[in-house]
Protein backbone atom coordinates (compact mmCIF):
# COMPACT_ATOMS: atom_id res chain seq x y z
CA MET A 1 4.37 0.81 -16.13
CA ILE A 2 4.28 -0.18 -12.07
CA LEU A 3 5.94 1.76 -9.41
CA GLU A 4 6.01 0.57 -5.82
CA ILE A 5 6.87 3.89 -4.11
CA ASP A 6 5.72 5.91 -0.87
CA PRO A 7 2.80 8.52 -0.78
CA GLN A 8 5.44 11.47 -1.36
CA GLY A 9 6.78 9.82 -4.21
CA ALA A 10 3.36 8.60 -5.61
CA PHE A 11 2.51 12.49 -5.57
CA GLN A 12 5.28 13.97 -7.45
CA VAL A 13 4.57 11.22 -10.36
CA LYS A 14 1.00 12.04 -10.17
CA GLU A 15 2.22 15.91 -10.44
CA LYS A 16 4.15 15.02 -13.77
CA MET A 17 1.99 12.58 -15.10
CA PRO A 18 -1.46 13.28 -14.07
CA GLU A 19 -3.10 10.63 -16.00
CA ALA A 20 -1.22 8.09 -14.23
CA ILE A 21 -3.47 5.99 -11.49
CA LEU A 22 -2.61 6.09 -8.08
CA VAL A 23 -3.50 2.51 -6.33
CA PHE A 24 -3.09 1.88 -2.53
CA ILE A 25 -3.03 -1.38 -1.18
CA ALA A 26 -3.90 -1.51 2.18
CA PRO A 27 -3.81 -4.00 5.19
CA PRO A 28 -6.97 -4.93 6.74
CA SER A 29 -6.11 -3.25 9.42
CA LEU A 30 -3.18 -2.34 11.68
CA GLU A 31 -3.39 -5.51 13.55
CA VAL A 32 -2.98 -7.53 10.22
CA LEU A 33 -0.39 -6.11 9.32
CA GLU A 34 1.72 -6.31 12.40
CA GLU A 35 0.93 -10.04 12.08
CA ARG A 36 1.74 -10.47 8.76
CA LEU A 37 5.10 -8.83 9.78
CA ARG A 38 5.58 -10.94 12.71
CA GLY A 39 5.03 -14.15 10.85
CA ARG A 40 8.01 -13.68 8.58
CA GLY A 41 10.14 -13.32 10.80
CA THR A 42 12.37 -10.58 8.92
CA GLU A 43 11.81 -7.67 11.01
CA ASP A 44 13.36 -7.02 14.60
CA GLU A 45 11.60 -5.12 17.31
CA THR A 46 12.86 -1.57 16.33
CA SER A 47 12.33 -2.10 12.47
CA MET A 48 8.86 -3.58 13.29
CA LYS A 49 7.88 -0.73 15.35
CA ARG A 50 9.48 1.88 12.54
CA ARG A 51 7.44 0.16 9.90
CA LEU A 52 4.04 0.14 11.81
CA VAL A 53 4.40 4.29 12.65
CA ASN A 54 5.43 4.31 9.03
CA ALA A 55 2.35 2.52 7.73
CA VAL A 56 0.22 4.44 9.94
CA GLY A 57 1.21 7.62 8.58
CA GLU A 58 1.31 6.16 5.33
CA MET A 59 -2.69 5.30 5.57
CA GLU A 60 -3.74 8.43 6.16
CA TYR A 61 -2.71 9.40 2.33
CA ALA A 62 -4.91 6.33 1.25
CA SER A 63 -8.13 8.59 0.12
CA SER A 64 -5.77 10.90 -1.84
CA TYR A 65 -5.02 7.76 -4.31
CA ASP A 66 -7.51 7.00 -7.18
CA LYS A 67 -8.43 3.30 -6.11
CA VAL A 68 -7.71 2.14 -2.54
CA ILE A 69 -7.48 -2.31 -2.27
CA VAL A 70 -7.40 -3.83 0.49
CA ASN A 71 -5.45 -6.87 0.40
CA ASP A 72 -7.39 -8.95 3.00
CA ASP A 73 -7.38 -11.89 0.51
CA LEU A 74 -4.18 -12.04 -1.83
CA ASP A 75 -5.92 -13.46 -4.37
CA THR A 76 -8.82 -11.17 -4.33
CA ALA A 77 -6.76 -8.02 -4.34
CA ALA A 78 -4.62 -9.30 -6.83
CA GLU A 79 -7.31 -9.67 -9.06
CA GLU A 80 -8.84 -6.02 -8.43
CA LEU A 81 -5.65 -4.99 -9.92
CA PHE A 82 -5.32 -6.89 -12.69
CA GLU A 83 -8.65 -5.78 -13.39
CA LEU A 84 -7.85 -2.02 -12.90
CA ILE A 85 -4.77 -2.42 -15.17
CA SER A 86 -6.79 -4.06 -17.98
CA LYS A 87 -9.03 -1.22 -18.30
């Protein structure tokens, strides 16, 4: 089972299922994340700022995850995740 949830939810899952593997998918940088979000054209400025602030807060938890995958190249990140799931 794969869940896409925030850190609070991830840690609740880990508490109830210690065997769960937490994977944090991180952007290469906040600048790249902002570029990607702006490139989509789906966020107004207020939403953009909120998402970036949330991202900073979520990235502070990355070291608490079992694995961090930096999504600097989609194919490489997907392959890393696939390999992890396949184990």
